[in-house]
C-alpha atoms as a PDB file:
ATOM      1  CA  MET A   1      10.558 -21.283  20.024  1.00  0.00           C
ATOM      2  CA  PRO A   2      10.511 -21.624  16.231  1.00  0.00           C
ATOM      3  CA  PRO A   3      13.963 -21.629  14.603  1.00  0.00           C
ATOM      4  CA  GLY A   4      15.012 -18.444  12.860  1.00  0.00           C
ATOM      5  CA  VAL A   5      12.768 -16.170  14.917  1.00  0.00           C
ATOM      6  CA  ALA A   6      14.549 -13.085  16.217  1.00  0.00           C
ATOM      7  CA  PRO A   7      14.407 -12.026  19.887  1.00  0.00           C
ATOM      8  CA  GLY A   8      11.575  -9.569  20.506  1.00  0.00           C
ATOM      9  CA  CYS A   9       9.783 -10.697  17.366  1.00  0.00           C
ATOM     10  CA  PRO A  10       5.988 -10.881  17.752  1.00  0.00           C
ATOM     11  CA  ARG A  11       6.117 -14.520  16.582  1.00  0.00           C
ATOM     12  CA  ARG A  12       8.553 -15.329  19.389  1.00  0.00           C
ATOM     13  CA  THR A  13       6.340 -13.672  21.980  1.00  0.00           C
ATOM     14  CA  HIS A  14       3.317 -15.517  20.619  1.00  0.00           C
ATOM     15  CA  ALA A  15       5.194 -18.834  20.610  1.00  0.00           C
ATOM     16  CA  ALA A  16       6.466 -18.295  24.147  1.00  0.00           C
ATOM     17  CA  SER A  17       2.899 -17.824  25.356  1.00  0.00           C
ATOM     18  CA  GLY A  18       1.903 -21.165  23.888  1.00  0.00           C
ATOM     19  CA  GLY A  19      -0.116 -19.390  21.196  1.00  0.00           C
ATOM     20  CA  LYS A  20      -2.580 -18.066  23.763  1.00  0.00           C
ATOM     21  CA  LEU A  21      -2.116 -14.322  23.343  1.00  0.00           C
ATOM     22  CA  ALA A  22      -5.270 -12.369  22.680  1.00  0.00           C
ATOM     23  CA  PRO A  23      -5.415 -10.714  19.272  1.00  0.00           C
ATOM     24  CA  THR A  24      -4.655  -7.005  19.246  1.00  0.00           C
ATOM     25  CA  ARG A  25      -5.236  -4.132  16.877  1.00  0.00           C
ATOM     26  CA  LEU A  26      -1.529  -4.331  15.983  1.00  0.00           C
ATOM     27  CA  ASP A  27      -1.538  -7.864  14.593  1.00  0.00           C
ATOM     28  CA  TRP A  28      -0.690  -6.420  11.173  1.00  0.00           C
ATOM     29  CA  VAL A  29       2.667  -5.053  12.460  1.00  0.00           C
ATOM     30  CA  THR A  30       5.671  -7.150  11.455  1.00  0.00           C
ATOM     31  CA  PRO A  31       9.404  -6.570  11.935  1.00  0.00           C
ATOM     32  CA  HIS A  32       9.489  -5.087   8.406  1.00  0.00           C
ATOM     33  CA  THR A  33       6.744  -2.526   9.052  1.00  0.00           C
ATOM     34  CA  PRO A  34       9.176   0.201  10.281  1.00  0.00           C
ATOM     35  CA  ARG A  35      11.471  -0.414   7.279  1.00  0.00           C
ATOM     36  CA  LYS A  36       8.563  -0.095   4.857  1.00  0.00           C
ATOM     37  CA  THR A  37       7.329   3.041   6.611  1.00  0.00           C
ATOM     38  CA  ALA A  38      10.773   4.665   6.497  1.00  0.00           C
ATOM     39  CA  ALA A  39      11.300   3.704   2.843  1.00  0.00           C
ATOM     40  CA  THR A  40       7.919   5.105   1.839  1.00  0.00           C
ATOM     41  CA  LEU A  41       8.532   8.380   3.679  1.00  0.00           C
ATOM     42  CA  ILE A  42      12.026   8.868   2.224  1.00  0.00           C
ATOM     43  CA  ASP A  43      10.743   8.018  -1.268  1.00  0.00           C
ATOM     44  CA  LYS A  44       7.919  10.545  -0.895  1.00  0.00           C
ATOM     45  CA  GLU A  45      10.070  13.346   0.553  1.00  0.00           C
ATOM     46  CA  ALA A  46      13.235  12.714  -1.497  1.00  0.00           C
ATOM     47  CA  ASP A  47      13.433   9.834  -3.972  1.00  0.00           C
ATOM     48  CA  ALA A  48      13.671   6.055  -4.259  1.00  0.00           C
ATOM     49  CA  LYS A  49      17.464   6.170  -4.635  1.00  0.00           C
ATOM     50  CA  ARG A  50      17.840   7.687  -1.156  1.00  0.00           C
ATOM     51  CA  ALA A  51      15.326   5.219   0.270  1.00  0.00           C
ATOM     52  CA  ALA A  52      17.336   2.351  -1.237  1.00  0.00           C
ATOM     53  CA  ALA A  53      20.539   3.716   0.284  1.00  0.00           C
ATOM     54  CA  GLN A  54      18.871   3.972   3.712  1.00  0.00           C
ATOM     55  CA  LEU A  55      17.819   0.317   3.515  1.00  0.00           C
ATOM     56  CA  GLY A  56      21.190  -0.843   2.197  1.00  0.00           C
ATOM     57  CA  HIS A  57      19.911  -1.875  -1.229  1.00  0.00           C
ATOM     58  CA  ALA A  58      22.244  -1.678  -4.233  1.00  0.00           C
ATOM     59  CA  THR A  59      19.490  -0.293  -6.474  1.00  0.00           C
ATOM     60  CA  ALA A  60      16.101   1.333  -6.052  1.00  0.00           C
ATOM     61  CA  GLN A  61      14.417  -1.515  -7.932  1.00  0.00           C
ATOM     62  CA  VAL A  62      14.144  -3.792  -4.860  1.00  0.00           C
ATOM     63  CA  THR A  63      13.093  -0.845  -2.708  1.00  0.00           C
ATOM     64  CA  ASN A  64      10.303   0.120  -5.108  1.00  0.00           C
ATOM     65  CA  ARG A  65       9.074  -3.435  -5.549  1.00  0.00           C
ATOM     66  CA  HIS A  66       9.016  -4.529  -1.902  1.00  0.00           C
ATOM     67  CA  TYR A  67       9.245  -1.563   0.439  1.00  0.00           C
ATOM     68  CA  THR A  68       7.637   1.636  -0.812  1.00  0.00           C
ATOM     69  CA  VAL A  69       3.898   2.193  -0.954  1.00  0.00           C
ATOM     70  CA  LYS A  70       2.716   4.086  -3.990  1.00  0.00           C
ATOM     71  CA  SER A  71      -0.316   6.312  -3.893  1.00  0.00           C
ATOM     72  CA  ALA A  72      -3.511   4.769  -5.220  1.00  0.00           C
ATOM     73  CA  LEU A  73      -4.622   8.160  -6.508  1.00  0.00           C
ATOM     74  CA  ALA A  74      -3.792   9.000 -10.086  1.00  0.00           C
ATOM     75  CA  THR A  75      -3.011  12.535 -11.153  1.00  0.00           C
ATOM     76  CA  ASP A  76      -5.810  14.329 -12.975  1.00  0.00           C
ATOM     77  CA  SER A  77      -5.279  13.692 -16.682  1.00  0.00           C
ATOM     78  CA  SER A  78      -8.801  14.610 -17.742  1.00  0.00           C
ATOM     79  CA  GLY A  79      -7.581  17.567 -19.816  1.00  0.00           C
ATOM     80  CA  ILE A  80      -5.359  15.294 -21.877  1.00  0.00           C
ATOM     81  CA  LEU A  81      -8.023  12.601 -22.218  1.00  0.00           C
ATOM     82  CA  GLU A  82     -10.554  15.168 -23.468  1.00  0.00           C
ATOM     83  CA  GLN A  83      -8.663  15.054 -26.768  1.00  0.00           C
ATOM     84  CA  LEU A  84     -10.124  11.600 -27.356  1.00  0.00           C
ATOM     85  CA  GLY A  85     -13.655  12.955 -27.293  1.00  0.00           C
ATOM     86  CA  GLY A  86     -13.059  15.650 -29.865  1.00  0.00           C
ATOM     87  CA  ASP A  87     -15.771  18.288 -29.847  1.00  0.00           C
ATOM     88  CA  LEU A  88     -18.462  16.088 -28.329  1.00  0.00           C
ATOM     89  CA  PRO A  89     -20.818  17.887 -25.989  1.00  0.00           C
ATOM     90  CA  THR A  90     -20.200  17.274 -22.333  1.00  0.00           C
ATOM     91  CA  THR A  91     -23.607  16.246 -21.069  1.00  0.00           C
ATOM     92  CA  LYS A  92     -24.272  14.658 -17.758  1.00  0.00           C
ATOM     93  CA  PRO A  93     -24.981  10.963 -18.292  1.00  0.00           C
ATOM     94  CA  THR A  94     -28.368   9.715 -17.213  1.00  0.00           C
ATOM     95  CA  ARG A  95     -28.353   7.139 -14.486  1.00  0.00           C
ATOM     96  CA  ARG A  96     -29.723   3.790 -15.421  1.00  0.00           C
ATOM     97  CA  ASP A  97     -30.762   1.321 -12.795  1.00  0.00           C
ATOM     98  CA  HIS A  98     -29.397  -2.065 -13.836  1.00  0.00           C
ATOM     99  CA  ASN A  99     -31.254  -3.878 -11.110  1.00  0.00           C
ATOM    100  CA  PRO A 100     -34.669  -2.240 -10.798  1.00  0.00           C
ATOM    101  CA  ARG A 101     -36.726  -3.157  -7.792  1.00  0.00           C
ATOM    102  CA  GLN A 102     -40.125  -4.500  -8.563  1.00  0.00           C
ATOM    103  CA  THR A 103     -42.903  -2.942  -6.592  1.00  0.00           C
ATOM    104  CA  GLY A 104     -46.019  -4.722  -5.585  1.00  0.00           C
END
């Protein structure tokens, strides 16, 4: 067994089998997965300060950097960004094919 591997850890189980375990759909799960999931949920439902307290971190900075997952979706700021266009007409852009197929 590799040194520093906790009991019940997937690496320990894999090592004990001689590295012959079949891959599963849960290969991405690590011992930190539940911590990250809990931190993300608490951050979403409350705030990062409470998530940090749950994980035992002194500040929310470590929690935000390593444990919480931020949404990839940005809020709709199109109304604000319209100010950059002034009074330009809003026409639908024409689609240009940058890689036209040549036909026979």
